[in-house]
Amino acid sequence: MFKMARRKVPWILVFEAALALRARWNTLPRDDRRRLTVLARKSRGNPMALTSEERREFRRIASGIDAMGLARDLAPFGRRLRGGRH
């Protein structure tokens, strides 16, 4: 069953999303990228594992990634996933 699901993943779209995210990631200063990595690892995906100060810092740094710009960059790919016109 896993093999069938894996075959249905549009890998080119995953690759395009990774490239877009990497471009945004690289716009952050090196120190901020390192700190965001440390905070993400510490949280293990659970924001409540961070102190309120660390959560504030995470949000401050992550806001530099420009999530709305990333969404705009990826929007054309969303139509392909939903089966709309290409």
PDB file of N, CA and C in Angstrom:
ATOM      1  N   MET A   1       0.821  -1.189   0.000  1.00  0.00           N
ATOM      2  CA  MET A   1       0.000   0.000   0.000  1.00  0.00           C
ATOM      3  C   MET A   1       0.870   1.260   0.000  1.00  0.00           C
ATOM      4  N   PHE A   2       1.960   1.249   0.768  1.00  0.00           N
ATOM      5  CA  PHE A   2       2.839   2.413   0.815  1.00  0.00           C
ATOM      6  C   PHE A   2       3.446   2.700  -0.553  1.00  0.00           C
ATOM      7  N   LYS A   3       3.798   1.642  -1.293  1.00  0.00           N
ATOM      8  CA  LYS A   3       4.392   1.851  -2.616  1.00  0.00           C
ATOM      9  C   LYS A   3       3.426   2.577  -3.543  1.00  0.00           C
ATOM     10  N   MET A   4       2.148   2.220  -3.476  1.00  0.00           N
ATOM     11  CA  MET A   4       1.169   2.886  -4.337  1.00  0.00           C
ATOM     12  C   MET A   4       1.042   4.353  -3.971  1.00  0.00           C
ATOM     13  N   ALA A   5       1.001   4.653  -2.704  1.00  0.00           N
ATOM     14  CA  ALA A   5       0.882   6.046  -2.269  1.00  0.00           C
ATOM     15  C   ALA A   5       2.120   6.835  -2.676  1.00  0.00           C
ATOM     16  N   ARG A   6       3.282   6.210  -2.574  1.00  0.00           N
ATOM     17  CA  ARG A   6       4.517   6.888  -2.935  1.00  0.00           C
ATOM     18  C   ARG A   6       4.547   7.206  -4.418  1.00  0.00           C
ATOM     19  N   ARG A   7       4.019   6.329  -5.238  1.00  0.00           N
ATOM     20  CA  ARG A   7       4.009   6.572  -6.680  1.00  0.00           C
ATOM     21  C   ARG A   7       3.092   7.721  -7.051  1.00  0.00           C
ATOM     22  N   LYS A   8       2.057   7.958  -6.261  1.00  0.00           N
ATOM     23  CA  LYS A   8       1.089   8.991  -6.598  1.00  0.00           C
ATOM     24  C   LYS A   8       1.541  10.393  -6.180  1.00  0.00           C
ATOM     25  N   VAL A   9       2.616  10.493  -5.440  1.00  0.00           N
ATOM     26  CA  VAL A   9       3.115  11.799  -5.009  1.00  0.00           C
ATOM     27  C   VAL A   9       3.725  12.513  -6.209  1.00  0.00           C
ATOM     28  N   PRO A  10       3.299  13.739  -6.478  1.00  0.00           N
ATOM     29  CA  PRO A  10       3.875  14.498  -7.597  1.00  0.00           C
ATOM     30  C   PRO A  10       5.259  15.037  -7.194  1.00  0.00           C
ATOM     31  N   TRP A  11       6.274  14.221  -7.361  1.00  0.00           N
ATOM     32  CA  TRP A  11       7.604  14.543  -6.853  1.00  0.00           C
ATOM     33  C   TRP A  11       8.174  15.838  -7.415  1.00  0.00           C
ATOM     34  N   ILE A  12       7.840  16.182  -8.640  1.00  0.00           N
ATOM     35  CA  ILE A  12       8.366  17.431  -9.200  1.00  0.00           C
ATOM     36  C   ILE A  12       7.812  18.629  -8.424  1.00  0.00           C
ATOM     37  N   LEU A  13       6.573  18.528  -7.959  1.00  0.00           N
ATOM     38  CA  LEU A  13       5.994  19.620  -7.174  1.00  0.00           C
ATOM     39  C   LEU A  13       6.641  19.704  -5.796  1.00  0.00           C
ATOM     40  N   VAL A  14       6.945  18.558  -5.217  1.00  0.00           N
ATOM     41  CA  VAL A  14       7.647  18.535  -3.925  1.00  0.00           C
ATOM     42  C   VAL A  14       9.019  19.192  -4.088  1.00  0.00           C
ATOM     43  N   PHE A  15       9.697  18.867  -5.176  1.00  0.00           N
ATOM     44  CA  PHE A  15      11.011  19.442  -5.452  1.00  0.00           C
ATOM     45  C   PHE A  15      10.918  20.960  -5.637  1.00  0.00           C
ATOM     46  N   GLU A  16       9.919  21.421  -6.384  1.00  0.00           N
ATOM     47  CA  GLU A  16       9.739  22.863  -6.599  1.00  0.00           C
ATOM     48  C   GLU A  16       9.461  23.584  -5.275  1.00  0.00           C
ATOM     49  N   ALA A  17       8.647  22.969  -4.424  1.00  0.00           N
ATOM     50  CA  ALA A  17       8.350  23.568  -3.123  1.00  0.00           C
ATOM     51  C   ALA A  17       9.614  23.647  -2.268  1.00  0.00           C
ATOM     52  N   ALA A  18      10.431  22.602  -2.319  1.00  0.00           N
ATOM     53  CA  ALA A  18      11.684  22.599  -1.552  1.00  0.00           C
ATOM     54  C   ALA A  18      12.620  23.702  -2.046  1.00  0.00           C
ATOM     55  N   LEU A  19      12.695  23.882  -3.354  1.00  0.00           N
ATOM     56  CA  LEU A  19      13.548  24.946  -3.894  1.00  0.00           C
ATOM     57  C   LEU A  19      13.052  26.331  -3.470  1.00  0.00           C
ATOM     58  N   ALA A  20      11.743  26.523  -3.503  1.00  0.00           N
ATOM     59  CA  ALA A  20      11.180  27.823  -3.106  1.00  0.00           C
ATOM     60  C   ALA A  20      11.452  28.084  -1.627  1.00  0.00           C
ATOM     61  N   LEU A  21      11.264  27.070  -0.805  1.00  0.00           N
ATOM     62  CA  LEU A  21      11.505  27.235   0.632  1.00  0.00           C
ATOM     63  C   LEU A  21      12.983  27.493   0.906  1.00  0.00           C
ATOM     64  N   ARG A  22      13.851  26.806   0.190  1.00  0.00           N
ATOM     65  CA  ARG A  22      15.299  27.009   0.373  1.00  0.00           C
ATOM     66  C   ARG A  22      15.695  28.446   0.014  1.00  0.00           C
ATOM     67  N   ALA A  23      15.119  28.962  -1.054  1.00  0.00           N
ATOM     68  CA  ALA A  23      15.437  30.341  -1.457  1.00  0.00           C
ATOM     69  C   ALA A  23      15.026  31.318  -0.355  1.00  0.00           C
ATOM     70  N   ARG A  24      13.860  31.089   0.251  1.00  0.00           N
ATOM     71  CA  ARG A  24      13.417  31.952   1.351  1.00  0.00           C
ATOM     72  C   ARG A  24      14.315  31.782   2.574  1.00  0.00           C
ATOM     73  N   TRP A  25      14.677  30.547   2.866  1.00  0.00           N
ATOM     74  CA  TRP A  25      15.533  30.232   4.019  1.00  0.00           C
ATOM     75  C   TRP A  25      16.871  30.959   3.890  1.00  0.00           C
ATOM     76  N   ASN A  26      17.423  30.967   2.684  1.00  0.00           N
ATOM     77  CA  ASN A  26      18.728  31.581   2.467  1.00  0.00           C
ATOM     78  C   ASN A  26      18.706  33.100   2.556  1.00  0.00           C
ATOM     79  N   THR A  27      17.517  33.701   2.582  1.00  0.00           N
ATOM     80  CA  THR A  27      17.457  35.160   2.743  1.00  0.00           C
ATOM     81  C   THR A  27      17.667  35.567   4.198  1.00  0.00           C
ATOM     82  N   LEU A  28      17.502  34.598   5.122  1.00  0.00           N
ATOM     83  CA  LEU A  28      17.730  34.894   6.537  1.00  0.00           C
ATOM     84  C   LEU A  28      19.221  34.999   6.820  1.00  0.00           C
ATOM     85  N   PRO A  29      19.615  35.875   7.731  1.00  0.00           N
ATOM     86  CA  PRO A  29      21.024  35.920   8.134  1.00  0.00           C
ATOM     87  C   PRO A  29      21.451  34.573   8.750  1.00  0.00           C
ATOM     88  N   ARG A  30      22.704  34.238   8.601  1.00  0.00           N
ATOM     89  CA  ARG A  30      23.227  32.952   9.077  1.00  0.00           C
ATOM     90  C   ARG A  30      22.929  32.712  10.560  1.00  0.00           C
ATOM     91  N   ASP A  31      23.116  33.718  11.387  1.00  0.00           N
ATOM     92  CA  ASP A  31      22.858  33.553  12.828  1.00  0.00           C
ATOM     93  C   ASP A  31      21.388  33.235  13.101  1.00  0.00           C
ATOM     94  N   ASP A  32      20.486  33.886  12.360  1.00  0.00           N
ATOM     95  CA  ASP A  32      19.066  33.613  12.538  1.00  0.00           C
ATOM     96  C   ASP A  32      18.721  32.196  12.084  1.00  0.00           C
ATOM     97  N   ARG A  33      19.317  31.745  10.980  1.00  0.00           N
ATOM     98  CA  ARG A  33      19.069  30.368  10.520  1.00  0.00           C
ATOM     99  C   ARG A  33      19.523  29.366  11.568  1.00  0.00           C
ATOM    100  N   ARG A  34      20.682  29.606  12.151  1.00  0.00           N
ATOM    101  CA  ARG A  34      21.186  28.694  13.189  1.00  0.00           C
ATOM    102  C   ARG A  34      20.265  28.684  14.408  1.00  0.00           C
ATOM    103  N   ARG A  35      19.859  29.859  14.847  1.00  0.00           N
ATOM    104  CA  ARG A  35      19.004  29.944  16.035  1.00  0.00           C
ATOM    105  C   ARG A  35      17.640  29.305  15.772  1.00  0.00           C
ATOM    106  N   LEU A  36      17.074  29.535  14.590  1.00  0.00           N
ATOM    107  CA  LEU A  36      15.787  28.934  14.255  1.00  0.00           C
ATOM    108  C   LEU A  36      15.901  27.409  14.228  1.00  0.00           C
ATOM    109  N   THR A  37      17.006  26.899  13.729  1.00  0.00           N
ATOM    110  CA  THR A  37      17.241  25.452  13.714  1.00  0.00           C
ATOM    111  C   THR A  37      17.311  24.900  15.129  1.00  0.00           C
ATOM    112  N   VAL A  38      18.031  25.595  15.998  1.00  0.00           N
ATOM    113  CA  VAL A  38      18.146  25.153  17.399  1.00  0.00           C
ATOM    114  C   VAL A  38      16.768  25.137  18.061  1.00  0.00           C
ATOM    115  N   LEU A  39      15.991  26.190  17.852  1.00  0.00           N
ATOM    116  CA  LEU A  39      14.666  26.268  18.465  1.00  0.00           C
ATOM    117  C   LEU A  39      13.725  25.195  17.915  1.00  0.00           C
ATOM    118  N   ALA A  40      13.790  24.957  16.617  1.00  0.00           N
ATOM    119  CA  ALA A  40      12.928  23.926  16.012  1.00  0.00           C
ATOM    120  C   ALA A  40      13.273  22.545  16.549  1.00  0.00           C
ATOM    121  N   ARG A  41      14.556  22.262  16.690  1.00  0.00           N
ATOM    122  CA  ARG A  41      14.960  20.961  17.237  1.00  0.00           C
ATOM    123  C   ARG A  41      14.546  20.825  18.693  1.00  0.00           C
ATOM    124  N   LYS A  42      14.698  21.903  19.436  1.00  0.00           N
ATOM    125  CA  LYS A  42      14.332  21.856  20.850  1.00  0.00           C
ATOM    126  C   LYS A  42      12.832  21.618  21.012  1.00  0.00           C
ATOM    127  N   SER A  43      12.034  22.224  20.158  1.00  0.00           N
ATOM    128  CA  SER A  43      10.581  22.101  20.280  1.00  0.00           C
ATOM    129  C   SER A  43      10.074  20.729  19.849  1.00  0.00           C
ATOM    130  N   ARG A  44      10.808  20.061  18.983  1.00  0.00           N
ATOM    131  CA  ARG A  44      10.370  18.762  18.429  1.00  0.00           C
ATOM    132  C   ARG A  44       8.959  18.849  17.853  1.00  0.00           C
ATOM    133  N   GLY A  45       8.657  19.986  17.229  1.00  0.00           N
ATOM    134  CA  GLY A  45       7.356  20.174  16.612  1.00  0.00           C
ATOM    135  C   GLY A  45       6.258  20.623  17.560  1.00  0.00           C
ATOM    136  N   ASN A  46       6.587  20.788  18.832  1.00  0.00           N
ATOM    137  CA  ASN A  46       5.601  21.219  19.825  1.00  0.00           C
ATOM    138  C   ASN A  46       6.012  22.590  20.367  1.00  0.00           C
ATOM    139  N   PRO A  47       5.319  23.644  19.933  1.00  0.00           N
ATOM    140  CA  PRO A  47       5.694  24.992  20.397  1.00  0.00           C
ATOM    141  C   PRO A  47       5.656  25.147  21.912  1.00  0.00           C
ATOM    142  N   MET A  48       4.837  24.346  22.579  1.00  0.00           N
ATOM    143  CA  MET A  48       4.730  24.466  24.029  1.00  0.00           C
ATOM    144  C   MET A  48       5.983  23.948  24.738  1.00  0.00           C
ATOM    145  N   ALA A  49       6.867  23.287  24.015  1.00  0.00           N
ATOM    146  CA  ALA A  49       8.121  22.823  24.601  1.00  0.00           C
ATOM    147  C   ALA A  49       9.118  23.976  24.724  1.00  0.00           C
ATOM    148  N   LEU A  50       8.803  25.116  24.109  1.00  0.00           N
ATOM    149  CA  LEU A  50       9.659  26.300  24.195  1.00  0.00           C
ATOM    150  C   LEU A  50       9.106  27.250  25.249  1.00  0.00           C
ATOM    151  N   THR A  51       9.981  28.064  25.794  1.00  0.00           N
ATOM    152  CA  THR A  51       9.517  29.100  26.711  1.00  0.00           C
ATOM    153  C   THR A  51       8.799  30.175  25.901  1.00  0.00           C
ATOM    154  N   SER A  52       8.057  31.011  26.574  1.00  0.00           N
ATOM    155  CA  SER A  52       7.337  32.070  25.846  1.00  0.00           C
ATOM    156  C   SER A  52       8.322  32.997  25.128  1.00  0.00           C
ATOM    157  N   GLU A  53       9.460  33.239  25.755  1.00  0.00           N
ATOM    158  CA  GLU A  53      10.484  34.073  25.112  1.00  0.00           C
ATOM    159  C   GLU A  53      11.026  33.396  23.853  1.00  0.00           C
ATOM    160  N   GLU A  54      11.255  32.091  23.920  1.00  0.00           N
ATOM    161  CA  GLU A  54      11.756  31.349  22.751  1.00  0.00           C
ATOM    162  C   GLU A  54      10.708  31.323  21.643  1.00  0.00           C
ATOM    163  N   ARG A  55       9.434  31.199  21.995  1.00  0.00           N
ATOM    164  CA  ARG A  55       8.370  31.220  20.981  1.00  0.00           C
ATOM    165  C   ARG A  55       8.310  32.582  20.292  1.00  0.00           C
ATOM    166  N   ARG A  56       8.472  33.640  21.068  1.00  0.00           N
ATOM    167  CA  ARG A  56       8.510  34.995  20.491  1.00  0.00           C
ATOM    168  C   ARG A  56       9.678  35.129  19.532  1.00  0.00           C
ATOM    169  N   GLU A  57      10.831  34.627  19.968  1.00  0.00           N
ATOM    170  CA  GLU A  57      12.021  34.697  19.123  1.00  0.00           C
ATOM    171  C   GLU A  57      11.825  33.880  17.844  1.00  0.00           C
ATOM    172  N   PHE A  58      11.236  32.700  17.970  1.00  0.00           N
ATOM    173  CA  PHE A  58      10.968  31.856  16.807  1.00  0.00           C
ATOM    174  C   PHE A  58      10.079  32.593  15.810  1.00  0.00           C
ATOM    175  N   ARG A  59       8.987  33.193  16.309  1.00  0.00           N
ATOM    176  CA  ARG A  59       8.071  33.937  15.429  1.00  0.00           C
ATOM    177  C   ARG A  59       8.775  35.118  14.772  1.00  0.00           C
ATOM    178  N   ARG A  60       9.614  35.819  15.533  1.00  0.00           N
ATOM    179  CA  ARG A  60      10.329  36.977  14.982  1.00  0.00           C
ATOM    180  C   ARG A  60      11.227  36.550  13.827  1.00  0.00           C
ATOM    181  N   ILE A  61      11.989  35.498  14.043  1.00  0.00           N
ATOM    182  CA  ILE A  61      12.915  35.033  13.002  1.00  0.00           C
ATOM    183  C   ILE A  61      12.144  34.461  11.814  1.00  0.00           C
ATOM    184  N   ALA A  62      11.138  33.630  12.105  1.00  0.00           N
ATOM    185  CA  ALA A  62      10.374  32.988  11.034  1.00  0.00           C
ATOM    186  C   ALA A  62       9.621  33.993  10.176  1.00  0.00           C
ATOM    187  N   SER A  63       9.272  35.135  10.742  1.00  0.00           N
ATOM    188  CA  SER A  63       8.571  36.149   9.956  1.00  0.00           C
ATOM    189  C   SER A  63       9.450  36.671   8.821  1.00  0.00           C
ATOM    190  N   GLY A  64      10.759  36.530   8.951  1.00  0.00           N
ATOM    191  CA  GLY A  64      11.673  36.955   7.897  1.00  0.00           C
ATOM    192  C   GLY A  64      11.652  36.056   6.673  1.00  0.00           C
ATOM    193  N   ILE A  65      11.032  34.893   6.789  1.00  0.00           N
ATOM    194  CA  ILE A  65      10.952  33.968   5.653  1.00  0.00           C
ATOM    195  C   ILE A  65       9.912  34.437   4.641  1.00  0.00           C
ATOM    196  N   ASP A  66       8.977  35.285   5.049  1.00  0.00           N
ATOM    197  CA  ASP A  66       7.920  35.810   4.184  1.00  0.00           C
ATOM    198  C   ASP A  66       7.030  34.669   3.694  1.00  0.00           C
ATOM    199  N   ALA A  67       6.255  34.122   4.600  1.00  0.00           N
ATOM    200  CA  ALA A  67       5.376  32.992   4.293  1.00  0.00           C
ATOM    201  C   ALA A  67       4.349  33.346   3.214  1.00  0.00           C
ATOM    202  N   MET A  68       3.855  34.569   3.212  1.00  0.00           N
ATOM    203  CA  MET A  68       2.879  34.960   2.188  1.00  0.00           C
ATOM    204  C   MET A  68       3.533  34.967   0.802  1.00  0.00           C
ATOM    205  N   GLY A  69       4.760  35.426   0.729  1.00  0.00           N
ATOM    206  CA  GLY A  69       5.474  35.386  -0.550  1.00  0.00           C
ATOM    207  C   GLY A  69       5.702  33.959  -1.011  1.00  0.00           C
ATOM    208  N   LEU A  70       6.016  33.090  -0.062  1.00  0.00           N
ATOM    209  CA  LEU A  70       6.199  31.676  -0.379  1.00  0.00           C
ATOM    210  C   LEU A  70       4.881  31.089  -0.893  1.00  0.00           C
ATOM    211  N   ALA A  71       3.782  31.417  -0.248  1.00  0.00           N
ATOM    212  CA  ALA A  71       2.470  30.929  -0.693  1.00  0.00           C
ATOM    213  C   ALA A  71       2.160  31.410  -2.101  1.00  0.00           C
ATOM    214  N   ARG A  72       2.489  32.676  -2.391  1.00  0.00           N
ATOM    215  CA  ARG A  72       2.279  33.197  -3.746  1.00  0.00           C
ATOM    216  C   ARG A  72       3.118  32.438  -4.758  1.00  0.00           C
ATOM    217  N   ASP A  73       4.358  32.131  -4.379  1.00  0.00           N
ATOM    218  CA  ASP A  73       5.236  31.379  -5.289  1.00  0.00           C
ATOM    219  C   ASP A  73       4.714  29.977  -5.558  1.00  0.00           C
ATOM    220  N   LEU A  74       4.089  29.374  -4.562  1.00  0.00           N
ATOM    221  CA  LEU A  74       3.621  27.992  -4.695  1.00  0.00           C
ATOM    222  C   LEU A  74       2.184  27.894  -5.199  1.00  0.00           C
ATOM    223  N   ALA A  75       1.447  28.982  -5.252  1.00  0.00           N
ATOM    224  CA  ALA A  75       0.038  28.952  -5.648  1.00  0.00           C
ATOM    225  C   ALA A  75      -0.184  28.300  -7.017  1.00  0.00           C
ATOM    226  N   PRO A  76       0.631  28.585  -8.028  1.00  0.00           N
ATOM    227  CA  PRO A  76       0.386  27.918  -9.323  1.00  0.00           C
ATOM    228  C   PRO A  76       0.470  26.395  -9.235  1.00  0.00           C
ATOM    229  N   PHE A  77       1.261  25.878  -8.321  1.00  0.00           N
ATOM    230  CA  PHE A  77       1.396  24.433  -8.189  1.00  0.00           C
ATOM    231  C   PHE A  77       0.179  23.826  -7.515  1.00  0.00           C
ATOM    232  N   GLY A  78      -0.531  24.595  -6.707  1.00  0.00           N
ATOM    233  CA  GLY A  78      -1.706  24.098  -6.015  1.00  0.00           C
ATOM    234  C   GLY A  78      -2.805  23.679  -6.974  1.00  0.00           C
ATOM    235  N   ARG A  79      -2.947  24.400  -8.076  1.00  0.00           N
ATOM    236  CA  ARG A  79      -3.951  24.039  -9.072  1.00  0.00           C
ATOM    237  C   ARG A  79      -3.665  22.664  -9.658  1.00  0.00           C
ATOM    238  N   ARG A  80      -2.392  22.359  -9.854  1.00  0.00           N
ATOM    239  CA  ARG A  80      -2.032  21.041 -10.398  1.00  0.00           C
ATOM    240  C   ARG A  80      -2.404  19.931  -9.431  1.00  0.00           C
ATOM    241  N   LEU A  81      -2.235  20.181  -8.143  1.00  0.00           N
ATOM    242  CA  LEU A  81      -2.552  19.155  -7.148  1.00  0.00           C
ATOM    243  C   LEU A  81      -4.053  18.908  -7.071  1.00  0.00           C
ATOM    244  N   ARG A  82      -4.843  19.957  -7.269  1.00  0.00           N
ATOM    245  CA  ARG A  82      -6.304  19.810  -7.170  1.00  0.00           C
ATOM    246  C   ARG A  82      -6.915  19.323  -8.463  1.00  0.00           C
ATOM    247  N   GLY A  83      -6.125  19.253  -9.532  1.00  0.00           N
ATOM    248  CA  GLY A  83      -6.653  18.762 -10.798  1.00  0.00           C
ATOM    249  C   GLY A  83      -7.268  19.846 -11.660  1.00  0.00           C
ATOM    250  N   GLY A  84      -6.961  21.095 -11.357  1.00  0.00           N
ATOM    251  CA  GLY A  84      -7.489  22.207 -12.154  1.00  0.00           C
ATOM    252  C   GLY A  84      -6.704  22.366 -13.451  1.00  0.00           C
ATOM    253  N   ARG A  85      -7.005  23.433 -14.163  1.00  0.00           N
ATOM    254  CA  ARG A  85      -6.286  23.684 -15.413  1.00  0.00           C
ATOM    255  C   ARG A  85      -4.833  23.969 -15.142  1.00  0.00           C
ATOM    256  N   HIS A  86      -3.971  23.596 -16.060  1.00  0.00           N
ATOM    257  CA  HIS A  86      -2.525  23.786 -15.899  1.00  0.00           C
ATOM    258  C   HIS A  86      -2.108  25.077 -16.473  1.00  0.00           C
TER     259      HIS A  86
END
